N, C-alpha and C. Protein backbone atom coordinates (compact mmCIF):
# COMPACT_ATOMS: atom_id res chain seq x y z
N MET A 1 -25.40 20.31 34.36
CA MET A 1 -25.09 21.43 33.47
C MET A 1 -23.98 21.02 32.52
N ASP A 2 -24.13 21.38 31.26
CA ASP A 2 -23.10 21.09 30.26
C ASP A 2 -22.35 22.39 29.94
N VAL A 3 -21.12 22.49 30.42
CA VAL A 3 -20.32 23.69 30.24
C VAL A 3 -19.91 23.90 28.78
N GLU A 4 -20.07 22.85 27.96
CA GLU A 4 -19.76 22.96 26.53
C GLU A 4 -20.89 23.63 25.76
N ASP A 5 -22.07 23.68 26.35
CA ASP A 5 -23.26 24.23 25.68
C ASP A 5 -23.31 25.75 25.89
N ASP A 6 -23.14 26.51 24.81
CA ASP A 6 -23.12 27.98 24.88
C ASP A 6 -24.39 28.55 25.51
N ALA A 7 -25.55 27.98 25.18
CA ALA A 7 -26.82 28.49 25.70
C ALA A 7 -26.88 28.33 27.22
N GLN A 8 -26.42 27.19 27.74
CA GLN A 8 -26.45 26.96 29.19
C GLN A 8 -25.46 27.88 29.91
N VAL A 9 -24.31 28.12 29.29
CA VAL A 9 -23.32 29.02 29.90
C VAL A 9 -23.88 30.44 29.96
N GLU A 10 -24.53 30.88 28.89
CA GLU A 10 -25.15 32.22 28.87
C GLU A 10 -26.23 32.32 29.94
N GLU A 11 -27.02 31.25 30.07
CA GLU A 11 -28.10 31.23 31.06
C GLU A 11 -27.52 31.30 32.48
N LEU A 12 -26.46 30.53 32.73
CA LEU A 12 -25.83 30.55 34.05
C LEU A 12 -25.20 31.92 34.32
N LYS A 13 -24.56 32.49 33.31
CA LYS A 13 -23.94 33.81 33.43
C LYS A 13 -24.97 34.85 33.87
N GLU A 14 -26.13 34.84 33.24
CA GLU A 14 -27.20 35.78 33.56
C GLU A 14 -27.76 35.52 34.97
N PHE A 15 -27.90 34.25 35.32
CA PHE A 15 -28.41 33.88 36.65
C PHE A 15 -27.45 34.37 37.74
N LEU A 16 -26.14 34.14 37.55
CA LEU A 16 -25.15 34.57 38.53
C LEU A 16 -25.13 36.09 38.68
N GLU A 17 -25.29 36.78 37.57
CA GLU A 17 -25.29 38.25 37.61
C GLU A 17 -26.42 38.78 38.49
N ASN A 18 -27.55 38.08 38.50
CA ASN A 18 -28.71 38.54 39.26
C ASN A 18 -28.84 37.95 40.66
N HIS A 19 -28.15 36.82 40.93
CA HIS A 19 -28.41 36.12 42.20
C HIS A 19 -27.16 35.66 42.94
N TYR A 20 -25.95 35.99 42.43
CA TYR A 20 -24.73 35.54 43.10
C TYR A 20 -24.32 36.59 44.12
N VAL A 21 -23.03 36.84 44.31
CA VAL A 21 -22.51 37.75 45.33
C VAL A 21 -23.18 39.12 45.22
N GLU A 22 -23.63 39.64 46.37
CA GLU A 22 -24.23 40.96 46.38
C GLU A 22 -24.05 41.58 47.76
N ASP A 23 -24.15 42.90 47.83
CA ASP A 23 -24.07 43.56 49.12
C ASP A 23 -25.47 43.61 49.74
N ASN A 24 -25.58 44.20 50.93
CA ASN A 24 -26.86 44.21 51.66
C ASN A 24 -27.99 44.92 50.92
N VAL A 25 -27.65 45.92 50.10
CA VAL A 25 -28.71 46.66 49.40
C VAL A 25 -28.80 46.29 47.92
N GLY A 26 -28.04 45.30 47.48
CA GLY A 26 -28.13 44.83 46.10
C GLY A 26 -27.44 45.70 45.07
N ASN A 27 -26.53 46.60 45.51
CA ASN A 27 -25.81 47.44 44.54
C ASN A 27 -24.64 46.70 43.91
N PHE A 28 -23.93 45.95 44.73
CA PHE A 28 -22.71 45.30 44.27
C PHE A 28 -23.03 43.96 43.62
N ARG A 29 -22.58 43.76 42.39
CA ARG A 29 -22.82 42.51 41.66
C ARG A 29 -21.54 42.10 40.94
N LEU A 30 -21.35 40.81 40.80
CA LEU A 30 -20.25 40.30 39.98
C LEU A 30 -20.80 39.95 38.60
N LYS A 31 -20.10 40.37 37.58
CA LYS A 31 -20.55 40.12 36.22
C LYS A 31 -19.44 39.36 35.49
N TYR A 32 -19.72 38.13 35.12
CA TYR A 32 -18.72 37.29 34.45
C TYR A 32 -18.99 37.24 32.95
N SER A 33 -17.92 37.17 32.18
CA SER A 33 -18.08 36.88 30.75
C SER A 33 -18.17 35.36 30.63
N ALA A 34 -18.64 34.88 29.48
CA ALA A 34 -18.74 33.43 29.26
C ALA A 34 -17.36 32.79 29.35
N ASP A 35 -16.35 33.46 28.78
CA ASP A 35 -14.98 32.92 28.82
C ASP A 35 -14.46 32.82 30.24
N LYS A 36 -14.69 33.85 31.04
CA LYS A 36 -14.22 33.86 32.44
C LYS A 36 -14.93 32.77 33.23
N LEU A 37 -16.22 32.60 32.99
CA LEU A 37 -16.99 31.57 33.68
C LEU A 37 -16.46 30.19 33.33
N ARG A 38 -16.23 29.96 32.04
CA ARG A 38 -15.68 28.66 31.61
C ARG A 38 -14.30 28.44 32.22
N TRP A 39 -13.48 29.49 32.26
CA TRP A 39 -12.14 29.38 32.83
C TRP A 39 -12.23 28.94 34.29
N GLY A 40 -13.23 29.45 35.00
CA GLY A 40 -13.38 29.13 36.41
C GLY A 40 -13.91 27.74 36.69
N ILE A 41 -14.66 27.16 35.75
CA ILE A 41 -15.26 25.85 36.04
C ILE A 41 -14.75 24.71 35.15
N GLN A 42 -13.97 25.04 34.14
CA GLN A 42 -13.46 24.02 33.22
C GLN A 42 -11.97 23.79 33.44
N MET A 43 -11.55 23.77 34.69
CA MET A 43 -10.13 23.59 34.99
C MET A 43 -9.71 22.17 34.66
N PRO A 44 -8.41 21.92 34.49
CA PRO A 44 -7.95 20.56 34.18
C PRO A 44 -8.50 19.54 35.17
N GLY A 45 -9.03 18.45 34.63
CA GLY A 45 -9.57 17.38 35.47
C GLY A 45 -11.00 17.61 35.93
N TYR A 46 -11.68 18.63 35.38
CA TYR A 46 -13.05 18.92 35.83
C TYR A 46 -13.98 17.74 35.51
N LEU A 47 -15.02 17.60 36.31
CA LEU A 47 -16.00 16.53 36.15
C LEU A 47 -17.38 17.14 35.98
N LYS A 48 -18.06 16.77 34.90
CA LYS A 48 -19.39 17.35 34.64
C LYS A 48 -20.39 17.04 35.74
N GLU A 49 -20.18 15.92 36.45
CA GLU A 49 -21.10 15.56 37.54
C GLU A 49 -21.08 16.57 38.68
N LEU A 50 -20.03 17.39 38.72
CA LEU A 50 -19.90 18.38 39.80
C LEU A 50 -20.35 19.78 39.38
N HIS A 51 -20.95 19.88 38.19
CA HIS A 51 -21.53 21.14 37.71
C HIS A 51 -23.03 20.92 37.66
N PHE A 52 -23.78 21.52 38.55
CA PHE A 52 -25.22 21.30 38.43
C PHE A 52 -26.05 22.49 38.87
N MET A 53 -27.28 22.49 38.38
CA MET A 53 -28.24 23.55 38.66
C MET A 53 -29.56 22.91 39.05
N VAL A 54 -30.35 23.65 39.81
CA VAL A 54 -31.72 23.23 40.13
C VAL A 54 -32.62 24.12 39.29
N ARG A 55 -33.57 23.50 38.59
CA ARG A 55 -34.49 24.25 37.72
C ARG A 55 -35.92 24.13 38.24
N SER A 56 -36.72 25.13 37.94
CA SER A 56 -38.14 25.08 38.32
C SER A 56 -38.85 24.06 37.43
N ALA A 57 -39.83 23.38 38.00
CA ALA A 57 -40.56 22.35 37.26
C ALA A 57 -41.37 22.94 36.12
N GLY A 58 -41.92 24.14 36.34
CA GLY A 58 -42.79 24.75 35.34
C GLY A 58 -42.05 25.25 34.11
N LYS A 59 -41.31 26.35 34.23
CA LYS A 59 -40.67 26.99 33.07
C LYS A 59 -39.22 26.57 32.87
N GLY A 60 -38.69 25.77 33.80
CA GLY A 60 -37.31 25.32 33.66
C GLY A 60 -36.27 26.39 33.96
N LYS A 61 -36.67 27.45 34.69
CA LYS A 61 -35.73 28.52 35.04
C LYS A 61 -34.78 28.03 36.13
N ILE A 62 -33.55 28.57 36.13
CA ILE A 62 -32.58 28.20 37.15
C ILE A 62 -33.02 28.78 38.49
N MET A 63 -33.04 27.91 39.50
CA MET A 63 -33.38 28.33 40.86
C MET A 63 -32.15 28.33 41.76
N ALA A 64 -31.14 27.51 41.41
CA ALA A 64 -29.91 27.45 42.19
C ALA A 64 -28.80 26.85 41.34
N SER A 65 -27.56 27.20 41.68
CA SER A 65 -26.41 26.63 40.98
C SER A 65 -25.30 26.38 41.98
N ILE A 66 -24.45 25.42 41.65
CA ILE A 66 -23.26 25.14 42.46
C ILE A 66 -22.28 24.39 41.56
N ILE A 67 -21.01 24.69 41.69
CA ILE A 67 -19.98 24.10 40.84
C ILE A 67 -18.87 23.55 41.72
N GLY A 68 -18.41 22.35 41.42
CA GLY A 68 -17.26 21.77 42.13
C GLY A 68 -16.14 21.50 41.13
N VAL A 69 -14.90 21.81 41.53
CA VAL A 69 -13.74 21.60 40.67
C VAL A 69 -12.67 20.84 41.47
N PRO A 70 -12.19 19.69 40.94
CA PRO A 70 -11.16 18.93 41.65
C PRO A 70 -9.85 19.72 41.76
N LYS A 71 -9.22 19.64 42.93
CA LYS A 71 -7.94 20.30 43.17
C LYS A 71 -7.05 19.36 43.98
N THR A 72 -5.76 19.54 43.85
CA THR A 72 -4.82 18.84 44.72
C THR A 72 -4.07 19.90 45.51
N LEU A 73 -4.21 19.86 46.83
CA LEU A 73 -3.53 20.81 47.71
C LEU A 73 -2.42 20.09 48.45
N ILE A 74 -1.39 20.84 48.82
CA ILE A 74 -0.34 20.27 49.66
C ILE A 74 -0.52 20.83 51.05
N ILE A 75 -0.82 19.94 52.00
CA ILE A 75 -1.06 20.33 53.38
C ILE A 75 -0.05 19.59 54.26
N CYS A 76 0.77 20.34 54.95
CA CYS A 76 1.84 19.77 55.79
C CYS A 76 2.70 18.79 55.00
N GLY A 77 2.99 19.16 53.76
CA GLY A 77 3.87 18.34 52.92
C GLY A 77 3.19 17.16 52.24
N LYS A 78 1.91 16.94 52.49
CA LYS A 78 1.20 15.80 51.87
C LYS A 78 0.22 16.31 50.83
N LYS A 79 0.13 15.58 49.70
CA LYS A 79 -0.85 15.93 48.67
C LYS A 79 -2.22 15.44 49.11
N VAL A 80 -3.19 16.34 49.06
CA VAL A 80 -4.55 16.00 49.47
C VAL A 80 -5.50 16.32 48.32
N LYS A 81 -6.29 15.31 47.94
CA LYS A 81 -7.29 15.48 46.88
C LYS A 81 -8.50 16.18 47.49
N MET A 82 -8.87 17.32 46.92
CA MET A 82 -9.98 18.10 47.47
C MET A 82 -10.87 18.62 46.35
N LEU A 83 -11.97 19.19 46.78
CA LEU A 83 -12.91 19.77 45.84
C LEU A 83 -13.07 21.25 46.18
N GLU A 84 -12.88 22.12 45.18
CA GLU A 84 -13.16 23.55 45.39
C GLU A 84 -14.60 23.80 44.97
N VAL A 85 -15.40 24.31 45.89
CA VAL A 85 -16.81 24.57 45.60
C VAL A 85 -16.99 26.06 45.37
N ASN A 86 -17.67 26.40 44.28
CA ASN A 86 -17.79 27.79 43.89
C ASN A 86 -19.15 28.03 43.22
N PHE A 87 -19.46 29.27 42.97
CA PHE A 87 -20.67 29.67 42.23
C PHE A 87 -21.96 29.13 42.85
N LEU A 88 -21.99 29.08 44.19
CA LEU A 88 -23.23 28.73 44.86
C LEU A 88 -24.13 29.96 44.84
N ALA A 89 -25.23 29.85 44.15
CA ALA A 89 -26.18 30.96 44.06
C ALA A 89 -27.59 30.40 44.14
N VAL A 90 -28.45 31.13 44.83
CA VAL A 90 -29.85 30.72 44.98
C VAL A 90 -30.73 31.89 44.56
N HIS A 91 -31.75 31.60 43.77
CA HIS A 91 -32.70 32.62 43.32
C HIS A 91 -33.30 33.31 44.53
N GLN A 92 -33.44 34.64 44.44
CA GLN A 92 -33.95 35.42 45.57
C GLN A 92 -35.31 34.95 46.06
N LYS A 93 -36.14 34.42 45.17
CA LYS A 93 -37.49 34.02 45.55
C LYS A 93 -37.53 32.74 46.39
N VAL A 94 -36.45 31.95 46.37
CA VAL A 94 -36.48 30.69 47.13
C VAL A 94 -35.42 30.63 48.23
N ARG A 95 -34.86 31.78 48.60
CA ARG A 95 -33.80 31.79 49.61
C ARG A 95 -34.30 31.41 51.00
N GLU A 96 -35.57 31.60 51.27
CA GLU A 96 -36.12 31.26 52.60
C GLU A 96 -36.54 29.79 52.67
N LYS A 97 -36.34 29.03 51.62
CA LYS A 97 -36.81 27.65 51.58
C LYS A 97 -35.69 26.63 51.77
N ARG A 98 -34.56 27.06 52.35
CA ARG A 98 -33.42 26.20 52.64
C ARG A 98 -32.80 25.58 51.38
N MET A 99 -32.95 26.26 50.26
CA MET A 99 -32.43 25.74 48.99
C MET A 99 -30.90 25.60 49.04
N ALA A 100 -30.21 26.57 49.65
CA ALA A 100 -28.74 26.51 49.72
C ALA A 100 -28.28 25.24 50.42
N GLN A 101 -28.90 24.92 51.56
CA GLN A 101 -28.51 23.72 52.30
C GLN A 101 -28.73 22.46 51.48
N ILE A 102 -29.82 22.43 50.73
CA ILE A 102 -30.14 21.25 49.91
C ILE A 102 -29.10 21.08 48.80
N VAL A 103 -28.73 22.19 48.14
CA VAL A 103 -27.75 22.12 47.05
C VAL A 103 -26.37 21.72 47.59
N ILE A 104 -26.01 22.26 48.76
CA ILE A 104 -24.72 21.91 49.37
C ILE A 104 -24.71 20.42 49.75
N GLN A 105 -25.79 19.92 50.32
CA GLN A 105 -25.88 18.50 50.68
C GLN A 105 -25.71 17.62 49.44
N GLU A 106 -26.33 18.02 48.34
CA GLU A 106 -26.20 17.24 47.10
C GLU A 106 -24.77 17.27 46.59
N MET A 107 -24.11 18.44 46.68
CA MET A 107 -22.70 18.53 46.26
C MET A 107 -21.83 17.63 47.13
N MET A 108 -22.09 17.61 48.44
CA MET A 108 -21.31 16.77 49.34
C MET A 108 -21.53 15.29 49.04
N ARG A 109 -22.76 14.93 48.69
CA ARG A 109 -23.05 13.53 48.32
C ARG A 109 -22.27 13.14 47.08
N ARG A 110 -22.27 14.02 46.08
CA ARG A 110 -21.56 13.74 44.83
C ARG A 110 -20.05 13.67 45.05
N LYS A 111 -19.52 14.56 45.88
CA LYS A 111 -18.06 14.56 46.10
C LYS A 111 -17.63 13.27 46.78
N ARG A 112 -18.44 12.78 47.73
CA ARG A 112 -18.09 11.52 48.40
C ARG A 112 -18.13 10.35 47.41
N LEU A 113 -19.16 10.32 46.56
CA LEU A 113 -19.27 9.25 45.56
C LEU A 113 -18.08 9.24 44.60
N LEU A 114 -17.55 10.44 44.30
CA LEU A 114 -16.43 10.55 43.36
C LEU A 114 -15.06 10.48 44.05
N GLY A 115 -15.06 10.23 45.36
CA GLY A 115 -13.81 9.99 46.08
C GLY A 115 -13.06 11.22 46.57
N PHE A 116 -13.78 12.30 46.84
CA PHE A 116 -13.15 13.50 47.40
C PHE A 116 -13.45 13.56 48.89
N PRO A 117 -12.44 13.37 49.75
CA PRO A 117 -12.71 13.37 51.19
C PRO A 117 -13.06 14.75 51.77
N GLN A 118 -12.50 15.82 51.18
CA GLN A 118 -12.76 17.16 51.71
C GLN A 118 -13.10 18.13 50.59
N ALA A 119 -13.67 19.27 51.00
CA ALA A 119 -13.96 20.34 50.05
C ALA A 119 -13.62 21.66 50.73
N PHE A 120 -13.40 22.69 49.92
CA PHE A 120 -13.19 24.02 50.47
C PHE A 120 -13.94 25.05 49.64
N TYR A 121 -14.23 26.19 50.26
CA TYR A 121 -15.03 27.23 49.62
C TYR A 121 -14.78 28.54 50.33
N THR A 122 -15.20 29.63 49.73
CA THR A 122 -15.16 30.93 50.40
C THR A 122 -16.59 31.31 50.76
N SER A 123 -16.72 32.10 51.82
CA SER A 123 -18.05 32.51 52.24
C SER A 123 -17.97 33.87 52.92
N GLY A 124 -19.00 34.65 52.75
CA GLY A 124 -19.09 35.93 53.45
C GLY A 124 -19.69 35.77 54.84
N HIS A 125 -20.04 34.54 55.21
CA HIS A 125 -20.67 34.27 56.50
C HIS A 125 -19.86 33.23 57.26
N SER A 126 -20.02 33.19 58.57
CA SER A 126 -19.38 32.14 59.37
C SER A 126 -20.11 30.84 59.14
N MET A 127 -19.35 29.76 59.02
CA MET A 127 -19.94 28.45 58.78
C MET A 127 -19.65 27.53 59.97
N PRO A 128 -20.51 26.55 60.22
CA PRO A 128 -20.29 25.66 61.37
C PRO A 128 -19.17 24.65 61.10
N THR A 129 -18.51 24.25 62.17
CA THR A 129 -17.48 23.20 62.20
C THR A 129 -16.52 23.19 61.01
N PRO A 130 -15.78 24.28 60.79
CA PRO A 130 -14.81 24.24 59.68
C PRO A 130 -13.56 23.46 60.05
N PHE A 131 -12.91 22.90 59.04
CA PHE A 131 -11.62 22.22 59.23
C PHE A 131 -10.54 23.29 59.47
N THR A 132 -10.60 24.33 58.69
CA THR A 132 -9.69 25.45 58.85
C THR A 132 -10.33 26.69 58.24
N THR A 133 -9.89 27.86 58.64
CA THR A 133 -10.41 29.09 58.05
C THR A 133 -9.26 30.04 57.78
N CYS A 134 -9.46 30.94 56.85
CA CYS A 134 -8.51 32.02 56.63
C CYS A 134 -9.32 33.24 56.19
N HIS A 135 -8.75 34.39 56.38
CA HIS A 135 -9.43 35.64 56.03
C HIS A 135 -8.61 36.36 54.98
N TYR A 136 -9.27 37.02 54.07
CA TYR A 136 -8.57 37.85 53.10
C TYR A 136 -9.24 39.21 53.05
N MET A 137 -8.47 40.19 52.65
CA MET A 137 -8.99 41.55 52.55
C MET A 137 -8.65 42.11 51.17
N ASN A 138 -9.46 43.03 50.72
CA ASN A 138 -9.18 43.71 49.45
C ASN A 138 -8.48 45.02 49.72
N ARG A 139 -7.56 45.38 48.86
CA ARG A 139 -6.87 46.67 48.95
C ARG A 139 -7.38 47.52 47.80
N PHE A 140 -8.07 48.61 48.12
CA PHE A 140 -8.54 49.52 47.07
C PHE A 140 -7.35 50.15 46.37
N ILE A 141 -7.39 50.22 45.06
CA ILE A 141 -6.31 50.85 44.30
C ILE A 141 -6.79 52.15 43.67
N ASN A 142 -7.93 52.13 43.02
CA ASN A 142 -8.47 53.32 42.39
C ASN A 142 -9.83 53.62 43.03
N GLY A 143 -9.78 54.36 44.15
CA GLY A 143 -10.99 54.61 44.93
C GLY A 143 -12.11 55.27 44.15
N GLU A 144 -11.76 56.26 43.33
CA GLU A 144 -12.79 56.99 42.58
C GLU A 144 -13.55 56.06 41.64
N THR A 145 -12.83 55.24 40.88
CA THR A 145 -13.47 54.31 39.95
C THR A 145 -14.33 53.30 40.70
N LEU A 146 -13.84 52.81 41.84
CA LEU A 146 -14.59 51.83 42.62
C LEU A 146 -15.91 52.41 43.14
N VAL A 147 -15.90 53.68 43.50
CA VAL A 147 -17.14 54.33 43.96
C VAL A 147 -18.08 54.57 42.77
N LEU A 148 -17.54 55.08 41.67
CA LEU A 148 -18.37 55.39 40.49
C LEU A 148 -19.00 54.14 39.88
N THR A 149 -18.30 53.00 39.97
CA THR A 149 -18.86 51.75 39.44
C THR A 149 -19.69 51.01 40.49
N LYS A 150 -19.82 51.61 41.68
CA LYS A 150 -20.63 51.07 42.78
C LYS A 150 -20.07 49.78 43.37
N TYR A 151 -18.75 49.59 43.23
CA TYR A 151 -18.11 48.46 43.91
C TYR A 151 -18.12 48.71 45.41
N THR A 152 -17.95 49.98 45.79
CA THR A 152 -17.99 50.36 47.19
C THR A 152 -18.64 51.74 47.31
N ASN A 153 -18.86 52.17 48.53
CA ASN A 153 -19.45 53.49 48.77
C ASN A 153 -18.45 54.40 49.46
N CYS A 154 -18.53 55.66 49.15
CA CYS A 154 -17.69 56.67 49.80
C CYS A 154 -18.31 56.98 51.16
N PRO A 155 -17.52 56.98 52.25
CA PRO A 155 -18.10 57.31 53.56
C PRO A 155 -18.75 58.70 53.54
N PRO A 156 -19.85 58.88 54.25
CA PRO A 156 -20.57 60.16 54.20
C PRO A 156 -19.76 61.36 54.68
N ASP A 157 -18.76 61.12 55.55
CA ASP A 157 -17.97 62.24 56.07
C ASP A 157 -16.70 62.50 55.26
N MET A 158 -16.65 61.94 54.05
CA MET A 158 -15.45 62.08 53.23
C MET A 158 -15.84 62.40 51.79
N SER A 159 -15.11 63.32 51.16
CA SER A 159 -15.40 63.62 49.75
C SER A 159 -14.77 62.53 48.88
N LEU A 160 -15.22 62.44 47.63
CA LEU A 160 -14.69 61.44 46.71
C LEU A 160 -13.19 61.61 46.51
N LYS A 161 -12.74 62.86 46.42
CA LYS A 161 -11.30 63.13 46.24
C LYS A 161 -10.49 62.67 47.46
N GLU A 162 -11.04 62.92 48.66
CA GLU A 162 -10.36 62.47 49.88
C GLU A 162 -10.28 60.95 49.94
N PHE A 163 -11.38 60.30 49.56
CA PHE A 163 -11.44 58.83 49.55
C PHE A 163 -10.40 58.28 48.57
N ASP A 164 -10.35 58.87 47.38
CA ASP A 164 -9.39 58.43 46.36
C ASP A 164 -7.96 58.64 46.85
N ARG A 165 -7.71 59.79 47.46
CA ARG A 165 -6.35 60.11 47.96
C ARG A 165 -5.93 59.13 49.06
N LYS A 166 -6.88 58.75 49.90
CA LYS A 166 -6.58 57.84 51.01
C LYS A 166 -6.08 56.49 50.51
N TYR A 167 -6.66 55.99 49.42
CA TYR A 167 -6.33 54.64 48.94
C TYR A 167 -5.39 54.63 47.74
N ARG A 168 -5.04 55.80 47.23
CA ARG A 168 -4.18 55.84 46.05
C ARG A 168 -2.81 55.24 46.37
N LEU A 169 -2.27 54.48 45.41
CA LEU A 169 -0.93 53.92 45.58
C LEU A 169 0.09 55.03 45.45
N PRO A 170 1.21 54.93 46.16
CA PRO A 170 2.23 55.98 46.04
C PRO A 170 2.84 56.00 44.64
N ASN A 171 3.31 57.17 44.24
CA ASN A 171 3.97 57.32 42.95
C ASN A 171 5.25 56.49 42.96
N LYS A 172 5.50 55.76 41.87
CA LYS A 172 6.69 54.89 41.79
C LYS A 172 7.98 55.65 42.09
N LYS A 173 8.05 56.88 41.60
CA LYS A 173 9.28 57.67 41.76
C LYS A 173 9.52 58.04 43.23
N SER A 174 8.45 58.06 44.02
CA SER A 174 8.62 58.43 45.43
C SER A 174 9.08 57.25 46.29
N ILE A 175 9.09 56.06 45.71
CA ILE A 175 9.51 54.88 46.47
C ILE A 175 11.01 54.67 46.27
N LYS A 176 11.73 54.75 47.35
CA LYS A 176 13.18 54.54 47.29
C LYS A 176 13.49 53.21 47.96
N LEU A 177 13.83 52.23 47.13
CA LEU A 177 14.16 50.90 47.66
C LEU A 177 15.57 50.91 48.22
N GLN A 178 15.71 50.30 49.38
CA GLN A 178 17.03 50.18 49.98
C GLN A 178 17.37 48.70 50.08
N GLY A 179 18.60 48.39 49.79
CA GLY A 179 19.02 46.98 49.85
C GLY A 179 18.51 46.21 48.66
N LYS A 180 18.54 44.89 48.79
CA LYS A 180 18.12 44.01 47.69
C LYS A 180 16.65 43.62 47.85
N VAL A 181 15.98 43.48 46.72
CA VAL A 181 14.59 43.03 46.74
C VAL A 181 14.61 41.51 46.67
N ARG A 182 13.86 40.85 47.56
CA ARG A 182 13.80 39.39 47.59
C ARG A 182 12.38 38.95 47.95
N PRO A 183 12.05 37.70 47.66
CA PRO A 183 10.71 37.22 48.06
C PRO A 183 10.56 37.25 49.58
N MET A 184 9.33 37.49 50.02
CA MET A 184 9.05 37.50 51.44
C MET A 184 9.26 36.11 52.04
N GLU A 185 9.79 36.07 53.25
CA GLU A 185 9.99 34.81 53.96
C GLU A 185 9.18 34.82 55.25
N LYS A 186 9.09 33.65 55.87
CA LYS A 186 8.28 33.52 57.08
C LYS A 186 8.74 34.50 58.17
N LYS A 187 10.05 34.71 58.26
CA LYS A 187 10.57 35.61 59.30
C LYS A 187 10.14 37.07 59.08
N ASP A 188 9.69 37.40 57.85
CA ASP A 188 9.28 38.77 57.53
C ASP A 188 7.83 39.08 57.94
N VAL A 189 7.06 38.06 58.29
CA VAL A 189 5.63 38.23 58.53
C VAL A 189 5.31 39.34 59.54
N PRO A 190 5.95 39.38 60.72
CA PRO A 190 5.60 40.46 61.67
C PRO A 190 5.80 41.87 61.09
N ALA A 191 6.92 42.08 60.39
CA ALA A 191 7.20 43.41 59.83
C ALA A 191 6.22 43.75 58.71
N VAL A 192 5.91 42.76 57.87
CA VAL A 192 4.97 42.99 56.76
C VAL A 192 3.58 43.25 57.31
N PHE A 193 3.19 42.50 58.34
CA PHE A 193 1.87 42.69 58.95
C PHE A 193 1.75 44.10 59.53
N LYS A 194 2.84 44.57 60.16
CA LYS A 194 2.83 45.92 60.73
C LYS A 194 2.64 46.96 59.62
N LEU A 195 3.35 46.78 58.49
CA LEU A 195 3.17 47.70 57.36
C LEU A 195 1.75 47.68 56.85
N PHE A 196 1.18 46.49 56.73
CA PHE A 196 -0.18 46.33 56.23
C PHE A 196 -1.18 46.99 57.17
N LYS A 197 -0.99 46.78 58.48
CA LYS A 197 -1.91 47.31 59.48
C LYS A 197 -1.87 48.83 59.54
N ASP A 198 -0.71 49.41 59.31
CA ASP A 198 -0.55 50.86 59.39
C ASP A 198 -1.08 51.60 58.18
N GLN A 199 -1.51 50.89 57.14
CA GLN A 199 -2.01 51.54 55.92
C GLN A 199 -3.34 52.22 56.18
């Protein structure tokens, strides 16, 4: 894939909108602009060999995509050259044909050839034999808008106003800071986790 080619970026953008991240019933979709997509895959040091798509032999339609971007992470004080893998999407019609595994294998082959010992990615599913894992959660800020745009659903036993009230951020004026504000430190983790859990 040539990220410099506007037509290919538009084609990938449309493909991702229809076949990338989705919920179980297909309501939730991520929609990227061409600029946002380029920003995500054209990071400093990017390699075109790590941007690729699988196309159908007949009409040349995209059947799968995967993007790799070189990164340098610091792990235990050491710089480690890694590959961030993103935008793995498979056309709905070929998901039962092990297309994802084939595309991932090809990405791993390319990363080894280009000298990347490890790669990392996010997934909504558990993966076998990970080197490490971490979990992240989203904090709803504007519940009503998130429901109306179908980012999430309002629980059946709760009205939209109740849902919005539950997740609404407190009014700035109601927050009374005591003491000095400073960046969080490792020693703060238990107290911060307790605050997060109690929300």
